[in-house]
Amino acid sequence: MTEKITVHIDPDLEDLIPGFLSNRQRDVDTIRALIDDDIERVRILGHSMKGAGGGYGFDEITELGAKIEQAAQAGDKPTILAATDALEDYLHRVDPVFDGQ
């Protein structure tokens, strides 16, 4: 069984979190679809995740978004894919707890 990752989230954000996480999964799919054709859009997606993750309490999404952004700037597709795989794994394992602690 895969170990869950508990993340404590401000209860005021509870209604927003399912959509936020669903959108990140969509980003994973988009990155994989675009990596060979539109690396600039991949960079923008990474930049967006870097900016948004921490605001919702998901520091790991911020870190992985930064890796994706930097790798896209360098044209480093293997690193983009590794960070995207890590993001997808994180999204499957993350367990938000709405207590703000």
C-alpha atoms as a PDB file:
ATOM      1  CA  MET A   1       0.000   0.000   0.000  1.00  0.00           C
ATOM      2  CA  THR A   2       1.254   3.455  -0.897  1.00  0.00           C
ATOM      3  CA  GLU A   3       1.946   5.721   2.046  1.00  0.00           C
ATOM      4  CA  LYS A   4      -0.280   8.787   2.243  1.00  0.00           C
ATOM      5  CA  ILE A   5       1.189  12.270   2.589  1.00  0.00           C
ATOM      6  CA  THR A   6      -0.776  14.329   5.108  1.00  0.00           C
ATOM      7  CA  VAL A   7      -0.894  18.060   4.443  1.00  0.00           C
ATOM      8  CA  HIS A   8      -2.583  20.398   6.907  1.00  0.00           C
ATOM      9  CA  ILE A   9      -4.715  22.948   5.083  1.00  0.00           C
ATOM     10  CA  ASP A  10      -6.552  26.029   6.278  1.00  0.00           C
ATOM     11  CA  PRO A  11     -10.232  25.036   6.613  1.00  0.00           C
ATOM     12  CA  ASP A  12     -11.212  28.199   4.720  1.00  0.00           C
ATOM     13  CA  LEU A  13      -9.740  26.588   1.585  1.00  0.00           C
ATOM     14  CA  GLU A  14     -11.616  23.282   1.893  1.00  0.00           C
ATOM     15  CA  ASP A  15     -14.058  24.003  -0.953  1.00  0.00           C
ATOM     16  CA  LEU A  16     -11.228  25.007  -3.313  1.00  0.00           C
ATOM     17  CA  ILE A  17      -8.844  22.090  -2.761  1.00  0.00           C
ATOM     18  CA  PRO A  18     -10.573  19.341  -4.808  1.00  0.00           C
ATOM     19  CA  GLY A  19     -10.615  21.582  -7.887  1.00  0.00           C
ATOM     20  CA  PHE A  20      -7.050  22.736  -7.288  1.00  0.00           C
ATOM     21  CA  LEU A  21      -5.749  19.161  -7.077  1.00  0.00           C
ATOM     22  CA  SER A  22      -7.839  18.070 -10.070  1.00  0.00           C
ATOM     23  CA  ASN A  23      -6.357  20.926 -12.098  1.00  0.00           C
ATOM     24  CA  ARG A  24      -2.847  19.800 -11.168  1.00  0.00           C
ATOM     25  CA  GLN A  25      -3.652  16.306 -12.476  1.00  0.00           C
ATOM     26  CA  ARG A  26      -4.830  17.948 -15.687  1.00  0.00           C
ATOM     27  CA  ASP A  27      -1.484  19.811 -15.752  1.00  0.00           C
ATOM     28  CA  VAL A  28       0.339  16.458 -15.522  1.00  0.00           C
ATOM     29  CA  ASP A  29      -1.587  15.194 -18.544  1.00  0.00           C
ATOM     30  CA  THR A  30      -1.016  18.443 -20.449  1.00  0.00           C
ATOM     31  CA  ILE A  31       2.730  18.436 -19.782  1.00  0.00           C
ATOM     32  CA  ARG A  32       3.039  14.896 -21.092  1.00  0.00           C
ATOM     33  CA  ALA A  33       1.033  15.797 -24.186  1.00  0.00           C
ATOM     34  CA  LEU A  34       3.006  18.982 -24.934  1.00  0.00           C
ATOM     35  CA  ILE A  35       6.572  18.121 -23.969  1.00  0.00           C
ATOM     36  CA  ASP A  36       7.661  17.472 -27.556  1.00  0.00           C
ATOM     37  CA  ASP A  37       5.667  20.268 -29.199  1.00  0.00           C
ATOM     38  CA  ASP A  38       5.318  23.243 -26.842  1.00  0.00           C
ATOM     39  CA  ILE A  39       8.016  23.381 -24.176  1.00  0.00           C
ATOM     40  CA  GLU A  40       7.198  27.049 -23.539  1.00  0.00           C
ATOM     41  CA  ARG A  41       3.701  26.098 -22.409  1.00  0.00           C
ATOM     42  CA  VAL A  42       5.247  23.406 -20.205  1.00  0.00           C
ATOM     43  CA  ARG A  43       7.453  26.124 -18.670  1.00  0.00           C
ATOM     44  CA  ILE A  44       4.396  28.321 -18.057  1.00  0.00           C
ATOM     45  CA  LEU A  45       2.547  25.450 -16.365  1.00  0.00           C
ATOM     46  CA  GLY A  46       5.548  24.814 -14.112  1.00  0.00           C
ATOM     47  CA  HIS A  47       5.748  28.527 -13.289  1.00  0.00           C
ATOM     48  CA  SER A  48       2.041  28.612 -12.456  1.00  0.00           C
ATOM     49  CA  MET A  49       2.355  25.603 -10.121  1.00  0.00           C
ATOM     50  CA  LYS A  50       5.390  27.162  -8.481  1.00  0.00           C
ATOM     51  CA  GLY A  51       3.334  30.248  -7.695  1.00  0.00           C
ATOM     52  CA  ALA A  52       0.119  28.547  -6.600  1.00  0.00           C
ATOM     53  CA  GLY A  53       1.138  25.453  -4.617  1.00  0.00           C
ATOM     54  CA  GLY A  54       2.315  27.142  -1.446  1.00  0.00           C
ATOM     55  CA  GLY A  55      -0.661  29.492  -1.392  1.00  0.00           C
ATOM     56  CA  TYR A  56      -2.918  26.487  -1.008  1.00  0.00           C
ATOM     57  CA  GLY A  57      -0.591  24.796   1.469  1.00  0.00           C
ATOM     58  CA  PHE A  58       1.058  22.357  -0.939  1.00  0.00           C
ATOM     59  CA  ASP A  59       4.749  23.231  -0.776  1.00  0.00           C
ATOM     60  CA  GLU A  60       5.675  20.080  -2.706  1.00  0.00           C
ATOM     61  CA  ILE A  61       3.665  21.307  -5.702  1.00  0.00           C
ATOM     62  CA  THR A  62       5.577  24.594  -5.526  1.00  0.00           C
ATOM     63  CA  GLU A  63       8.922  22.763  -5.515  1.00  0.00           C
ATOM     64  CA  LEU A  64       7.976  20.424  -8.369  1.00  0.00           C
ATOM     65  CA  GLY A  65       6.565  23.317 -10.388  1.00  0.00           C
ATOM     66  CA  ALA A  66       9.877  25.135  -9.994  1.00  0.00           C
ATOM     67  CA  LYS A  67      11.753  22.029 -11.190  1.00  0.00           C
ATOM     68  CA  ILE A  68       9.486  21.740 -14.222  1.00  0.00           C
ATOM     69  CA  GLU A  69       9.890  25.437 -15.027  1.00  0.00           C
ATOM     70  CA  GLN A  70      13.688  25.348 -14.739  1.00  0.00           C
ATOM     71  CA  ALA A  71      13.968  22.134 -16.733  1.00  0.00           C
ATOM     72  CA  ALA A  72      11.745  23.531 -19.488  1.00  0.00           C
ATOM     73  CA  GLN A  73      13.901  26.663 -19.684  1.00  0.00           C
ATOM     74  CA  ALA A  74      16.913  24.367 -20.171  1.00  0.00           C
ATOM     75  CA  GLY A  75      15.115  22.064 -22.614  1.00  0.00           C
ATOM     76  CA  ASP A  76      15.755  19.160 -20.222  1.00  0.00           C
ATOM     77  CA  LYS A  77      12.928  16.768 -21.088  1.00  0.00           C
ATOM     78  CA  PRO A  78      14.086  13.877 -18.844  1.00  0.00           C
ATOM     79  CA  THR A  79      13.987  16.168 -15.787  1.00  0.00           C
ATOM     80  CA  ILE A  80      10.583  17.535 -16.805  1.00  0.00           C
ATOM     81  CA  LEU A  81       9.227  13.997 -17.070  1.00  0.00           C
ATOM     82  CA  ALA A  82      10.788  12.924 -13.754  1.00  0.00           C
ATOM     83  CA  ALA A  83       9.277  15.932 -11.964  1.00  0.00           C
ATOM     84  CA  THR A  84       5.932  15.297 -13.671  1.00  0.00           C
ATOM     85  CA  ASP A  85       6.012  11.666 -12.518  1.00  0.00           C
ATOM     86  CA  ALA A  86       6.824  12.862  -8.983  1.00  0.00           C
ATOM     87  CA  LEU A  87       3.929  15.323  -9.132  1.00  0.00           C
ATOM     88  CA  GLU A  88       1.503  12.633 -10.244  1.00  0.00           C
ATOM     89  CA  ASP A  89       2.695  10.325  -7.452  1.00  0.00           C
ATOM     90  CA  TYR A  90       2.273  13.162  -4.953  1.00  0.00           C
ATOM     91  CA  LEU A  91      -1.256  13.889  -6.195  1.00  0.00           C
ATOM     92  CA  HIS A  92      -2.233  10.233  -5.719  1.00  0.00           C
ATOM     93  CA  ARG A  93      -0.792  10.122  -2.212  1.00  0.00           C
ATOM     94  CA  VAL A  94      -1.633  13.541  -0.777  1.00  0.00           C
ATOM     95  CA  ASP A  95      -4.251  13.542   1.985  1.00  0.00           C
ATOM     96  CA  PRO A  96      -5.381  17.089   2.820  1.00  0.00           C
ATOM     97  CA  VAL A  97      -6.504  17.582   6.422  1.00  0.00           C
ATOM     98  CA  PHE A  98      -8.484  20.759   6.998  1.00  0.00           C
ATOM     99  CA  ASP A  99      -7.359  21.990  10.357  1.00  0.00           C
ATOM    100  CA  GLY A 100      -4.864  24.673   9.437  1.00  0.00           C
ATOM    101  CA  GLN A 101      -2.129  23.311  11.706  1.00  0.00           C
END
